Protein backbone atom coordinates (compact mmCIF):
# COMPACT_ATOMS: atom_id res chain seq x y z
CA MET A 1 13.22 -47.85 73.56
CA ILE A 2 14.46 -47.21 70.02
CA GLU A 3 11.70 -44.67 69.36
CA ARG A 4 12.53 -42.85 72.61
CA GLU A 5 16.22 -42.55 71.72
CA ASN A 6 15.36 -41.36 68.20
CA ILE A 7 13.14 -38.66 69.70
CA LEU A 8 15.78 -37.61 72.24
CA GLN A 9 18.41 -37.54 69.49
CA GLU A 10 16.18 -35.28 67.39
CA ILE A 11 15.52 -32.93 70.32
CA TRP A 12 19.25 -32.94 71.16
CA SER A 13 20.11 -32.13 67.55
CA ARG A 14 17.73 -29.18 67.60
CA ILE A 15 19.09 -27.96 70.94
CA CYS A 16 22.64 -28.07 69.58
CA SER A 17 21.58 -26.04 66.53
CA VAL A 18 20.36 -23.04 68.56
CA ASP A 19 22.38 -19.99 67.55
CA GLY A 20 25.07 -19.02 70.03
CA VAL A 21 24.86 -22.09 72.28
CA VAL A 22 28.24 -22.74 73.91
CA TYR A 23 27.39 -25.74 76.07
CA THR A 24 24.70 -28.43 76.08
CA ALA A 25 24.17 -31.27 78.53
CA ARG A 26 21.88 -34.28 78.81
CA ASN A 27 21.01 -35.15 82.43
CA PRO A 28 23.88 -33.09 83.93
CA LYS A 29 24.90 -33.59 87.54
CA LYS A 30 26.08 -30.03 88.21
CA ALA A 31 25.02 -26.45 87.60
CA PRO A 32 26.20 -24.73 84.42
CA SER A 33 29.43 -22.76 84.49
CA VAL A 34 29.37 -18.98 84.08
CA ASN A 35 32.12 -19.45 81.45
CA ALA A 36 29.95 -21.72 79.27
CA MET A 37 27.00 -19.49 78.40
CA PRO A 38 24.54 -19.55 76.84
CA CYS A 39 23.77 -23.15 77.62
CA ILE A 40 20.90 -25.60 77.42
CA GLN A 41 20.41 -28.59 79.71
CA MET A 42 17.95 -31.42 79.06
CA PHE A 43 16.64 -33.68 81.83
CA GLU A 44 14.75 -36.92 81.15
CA LEU A 45 12.19 -37.80 83.79
CA ASP A 46 9.49 -40.50 83.83
CA ASP A 47 8.67 -42.50 80.71
CA VAL A 48 5.37 -44.26 81.35
CA VAL A 49 3.15 -46.59 79.33
CA LYS A 50 -0.36 -45.15 79.04
CA ASP A 51 -1.88 -47.84 76.85
CA THR A 52 -0.87 -51.12 75.22
CA ARG A 53 -2.37 -52.47 72.03
CA LYS A 54 -1.85 -55.86 70.47
CA ARG A 55 -3.19 -56.80 67.06
CA GLY A 56 -3.83 -60.51 66.61
CA ALA A 57 -2.34 -63.51 68.35
CA GLY A 58 1.42 -63.60 68.61
CA GLN A 59 1.84 -59.97 67.61
CA TRP A 60 4.20 -57.73 69.52
CA PRO A 61 2.48 -54.98 71.50
CA GLN A 62 2.62 -51.31 70.67
CA ASN A 63 2.87 -49.10 73.74
CA LYS A 64 1.55 -45.58 73.85
CA ARG A 65 4.10 -43.82 76.06
CA ILE A 66 4.57 -40.41 77.60
CA LEU A 67 8.08 -39.19 78.33
CA SER A 68 8.43 -36.27 80.74
CA LEU A 69 11.22 -33.93 79.79
CA VAL A 70 12.58 -30.68 81.24
CA VAL A 71 14.77 -28.31 79.26
CA GLU A 72 16.58 -25.46 81.05
CA LEU A 73 18.05 -22.48 79.22
CA PHE A 74 20.73 -20.24 80.77
CA VAL A 75 22.34 -16.98 79.68
CA ASN A 76 24.95 -14.74 81.23
CA ALA A 77 23.56 -11.32 80.47
CA THR A 78 25.82 -8.49 79.42
CA ARG A 79 24.44 -6.48 82.37
CA GLU A 80 21.95 -7.24 85.11
CA GLU A 81 19.33 -4.93 83.57
CA ALA A 82 19.49 -6.86 80.28
CA THR A 83 18.86 -10.28 81.84
CA THR A 84 15.15 -10.52 81.03
CA LYS A 85 15.47 -9.37 77.43
CA GLU A 86 18.45 -11.61 76.69
CA LEU A 87 16.73 -14.61 78.28
CA ILE A 88 13.54 -13.98 76.28
CA ASP A 89 15.51 -13.64 73.03
CA PHE A 90 17.38 -16.88 73.74
CA ALA A 91 14.12 -18.71 74.58
CA LYS A 92 12.57 -17.50 71.31
CA CYS A 93 15.54 -18.81 69.35
CA TYR A 94 15.37 -22.16 71.18
CA LYS A 95 11.65 -22.58 70.55
CA SER A 96 11.99 -21.67 66.87
CA LYS A 97 14.51 -24.54 66.48
CA LEU A 98 12.53 -27.02 68.58
CA TYR A 99 9.28 -26.40 66.72
CA ALA A 100 10.84 -25.83 63.29
CA ASP A 101 8.41 -28.27 61.65
CA GLY A 102 5.62 -28.30 64.23
CA VAL A 103 5.02 -30.39 67.32
CA SER A 104 5.70 -33.79 65.73
CA LEU A 105 9.50 -33.43 65.43
CA GLY A 106 9.41 -34.76 61.91
CA GLY A 107 6.66 -37.30 62.60
CA LEU A 108 8.42 -38.97 65.55
CA CYS A 109 6.05 -37.91 68.32
CA ASP A 110 3.71 -35.27 69.68
CA ILE A 111 5.52 -32.87 72.01
CA ARG A 112 3.40 -30.75 74.33
CA GLU A 113 4.70 -27.95 76.50
CA LEU A 114 3.16 -28.30 79.95
CA SER A 115 4.67 -25.36 81.77
CA SER A 116 7.52 -22.97 82.10
CA GLY A 117 9.10 -22.24 85.43
CA LYS A 118 10.05 -19.06 87.17
CA VAL A 119 13.38 -17.47 86.34
CA LEU A 120 16.27 -19.53 87.67
CA ARG A 121 19.27 -17.85 89.32
CA PRO A 122 21.98 -20.48 89.86
CA PRO A 123 24.74 -19.46 92.29
CA VAL A 124 27.51 -19.47 89.68
CA GLY A 125 28.34 -15.76 89.49
CA GLY A 126 27.91 -13.17 86.79
CA SER A 127 24.45 -12.18 85.61
CA VAL A 128 23.39 -15.76 84.95
CA SER A 129 19.69 -16.48 84.72
CA GLY A 130 17.64 -19.23 83.19
CA ILE A 131 14.21 -20.66 82.64
CA GLY A 132 12.91 -24.21 82.48
CA PHE A 133 10.28 -25.72 80.21
CA ALA A 134 8.44 -28.97 81.03
CA TYR A 135 7.21 -31.19 78.22
CA ALA A 136 5.13 -34.32 77.75
CA VAL A 137 6.38 -36.25 74.73
CA HIS A 138 3.72 -38.65 73.44
CA TYR A 139 4.96 -41.47 71.22
CA ILE A 140 4.29 -45.05 70.20
CA GLU A 141 6.83 -47.72 71.00
CA ASP A 142 6.87 -50.69 68.63
CA VAL A 143 8.19 -53.42 70.94
CA SER A 144 9.11 -55.68 68.01
CA ARG A 145 11.85 -53.21 67.01
CA SER A 146 13.51 -53.67 70.43
CA THR A 147 13.75 -57.42 70.04
CA GLU A 148 15.49 -57.65 66.66
């Protein structure tokens, strides 16, 4: 649990550092506002244990876990014709911050991009468009840290 929150905090920190971001949200319940663009939303999905290891009698287990995560980026383009270019530029900026030191997020985990979705067009007005990226975040949970 502690490792997961440290990873999410690191991802969140990187999301918030993307140039020009006006609004960020973690597990939002509503669509982004046209007045708060560009924005990035992060959604936590399943967090499953893939393997459990225990070293010696009485030792706390270490769980190999995979957290599913979706990050959605939205921009309100200056004009409809510029939507694709502005969305691509924003996605490049986001990815450069996310992967600033590789896929380990400073040694916390191994983040793997699984897919990117089609262009999203939320019904919020303007020339708003977005794209979502799905990730599998592999990490090891040291259960003993959660019991202290």
